[in-house]
């Protein structure tokens, strides 16, 4: 019973994290981008495996976006003034998200190329 309670609490924390993340403009744009790609994949006749890879890449991207948002929240809490460490932390988080979006984009270009 203890484990079930732990799982339910963890699910509640995850749901809260998702709700918080979806207030971020960047996360909203990533969800819209994913939705657009789902439509495009459907129109070109992508395979189930290609859809699965797209979904995994999206989940990885949104997870990195959540971590980036967590970094930004912590940094903003630590200092309201300009600080070099804050700029570096935010820049590194943004770069991680950029890498994920680049992976999705390159993979999607490959899928489009193979179906057109």
Protein backbone atom coordinates (compact mmCIF):
# COMPACT_ATOMS: atom_id res chain seq x y z
CA UNK A 1 0.00 0.00 0.00
CA UNK A 2 2.92 2.34 0.75
CA UNK A 3 4.21 1.97 -2.80
CA UNK A 4 0.83 2.70 -4.34
CA UNK A 5 0.55 5.89 -2.29
CA UNK A 6 4.02 6.90 -3.41
CA UNK A 7 3.13 6.30 -7.07
CA UNK A 8 -0.06 8.33 -6.75
CA UNK A 9 1.79 11.20 -5.08
CA UNK A 10 4.48 11.13 -7.78
CA UNK A 11 1.80 11.19 -10.47
CA UNK A 12 0.27 14.24 -8.80
CA UNK A 13 3.64 16.01 -8.76
CA UNK A 14 4.16 15.14 -12.43
CA UNK A 15 0.72 16.48 -13.31
CA UNK A 16 1.53 19.69 -11.46
CA UNK A 17 4.80 19.97 -13.34
CA UNK A 18 3.04 19.53 -16.67
CA UNK A 19 0.46 22.17 -15.78
CA UNK A 20 3.26 24.58 -14.79
CA UNK A 21 5.27 23.80 -17.92
CA UNK A 22 2.33 24.48 -20.21
CA UNK A 23 2.27 28.08 -18.95
CA UNK A 24 5.60 28.58 -20.72
CA UNK A 25 5.41 30.04 -24.22
CA UNK A 26 8.29 27.83 -25.39
CA UNK A 27 6.54 24.65 -24.24
CA UNK A 28 3.31 25.75 -25.91
CA UNK A 29 5.20 26.32 -29.17
CA UNK A 30 6.84 22.89 -28.89
CA UNK A 31 3.47 21.21 -28.38
CA UNK A 32 2.07 23.04 -31.43
CA UNK A 33 5.15 22.06 -33.46
CA UNK A 34 4.63 18.43 -32.42
CA UNK A 35 0.95 18.60 -33.40
CA UNK A 36 1.87 20.03 -36.80
CA UNK A 37 4.44 17.29 -37.32
CA UNK A 38 1.85 14.62 -36.45
CA UNK A 39 -0.40 16.01 -39.18
CA UNK A 40 2.46 16.18 -41.69
CA UNK A 41 3.58 12.64 -40.87
CA UNK A 42 0.00 11.47 -41.42
CA UNK A 43 -0.27 13.28 -44.74
CA UNK A 44 2.95 11.80 -46.12
CA UNK A 45 2.12 8.29 -44.90
CA UNK A 46 4.84 7.86 -42.31
CA UNK A 47 5.17 4.41 -40.77
CA UNK A 48 4.19 3.53 -37.22
CA UNK A 49 7.89 3.27 -36.39
CA UNK A 50 8.49 6.80 -37.64
CA UNK A 51 5.56 8.06 -35.56
CA UNK A 52 7.01 6.24 -32.53
CA UNK A 53 10.41 7.87 -33.03
CA UNK A 54 8.77 11.29 -33.39
CA UNK A 55 6.83 10.75 -30.15
CA UNK A 56 9.99 9.69 -28.30
CA UNK A 57 11.89 12.72 -29.61
CA UNK A 58 9.03 14.99 -28.55
CA UNK A 59 8.89 13.47 -25.06
CA UNK A 60 12.66 13.90 -24.73
CA UNK A 61 12.36 17.53 -25.89
CA UNK A 62 9.53 18.37 -23.50
CA UNK A 63 11.47 16.73 -20.64
CA UNK A 64 14.51 18.89 -21.44
CA UNK A 65 12.22 21.94 -21.67
CA UNK A 66 10.90 21.11 -18.20
CA UNK A 67 14.44 20.92 -16.83
CA UNK A 68 15.31 24.18 -18.57
CA UNK A 69 12.27 25.83 -16.99
CA UNK A 70 13.26 24.45 -13.59
CA UNK A 71 16.76 25.95 -14.02
CA UNK A 72 15.26 29.31 -14.96
CA UNK A 73 12.90 29.27 -11.95
CA UNK A 74 15.77 28.48 -9.58
CA UNK A 75 18.10 31.06 -11.10
CA UNK A 76 15.41 33.73 -10.96
CA UNK A 77 14.82 32.85 -7.31
CA UNK A 78 18.53 33.12 -6.49
CA UNK A 79 19.10 36.54 -8.01
CA UNK A 80 17.07 39.39 -9.43
CA UNK A 81 20.15 41.20 -10.68
CA UNK A 82 22.46 40.32 -13.54
CA UNK A 83 24.83 37.54 -12.62
CA UNK A 84 27.22 35.72 -14.92
CA UNK A 85 26.31 32.32 -13.43
CA UNK A 86 22.63 33.02 -14.13
CA UNK A 87 23.31 33.88 -17.76
CA UNK A 88 25.43 30.75 -18.20
CA UNK A 89 22.81 28.50 -16.57
CA UNK A 90 20.01 29.89 -18.73
CA UNK A 91 22.10 29.78 -21.91
CA UNK A 92 23.09 26.15 -21.30
CA UNK A 93 19.48 25.14 -20.70
CA UNK A 94 18.39 26.92 -23.85
CA UNK A 95 21.12 25.19 -25.84
CA UNK A 96 19.92 21.79 -24.61
CA UNK A 97 16.40 22.57 -25.84
CA UNK A 98 17.82 23.82 -29.16
CA UNK A 99 19.66 20.51 -29.62
CA UNK A 100 16.44 18.58 -29.04
CA UNK A 101 14.48 20.70 -31.49
CA UNK A 102 17.27 20.25 -34.02
CA UNK A 103 17.02 16.46 -33.61
CA UNK A 104 13.26 16.54 -34.24
CA UNK A 105 13.68 18.84 -37.22
CA UNK A 106 16.45 16.82 -38.86
CA UNK A 107 14.59 13.55 -38.31
CA UNK A 108 11.39 15.06 -39.71
CA UNK A 109 13.23 16.33 -42.78
CA UNK A 110 14.55 12.81 -43.28
CA UNK A 111 11.03 11.35 -42.97
CA UNK A 112 9.69 13.89 -45.46
CA UNK A 113 12.56 13.23 -47.86
CA UNK A 114 11.93 9.47 -47.81
CA UNK A 115 8.19 9.90 -48.48
CA UNK A 116 8.19 12.58 -51.17
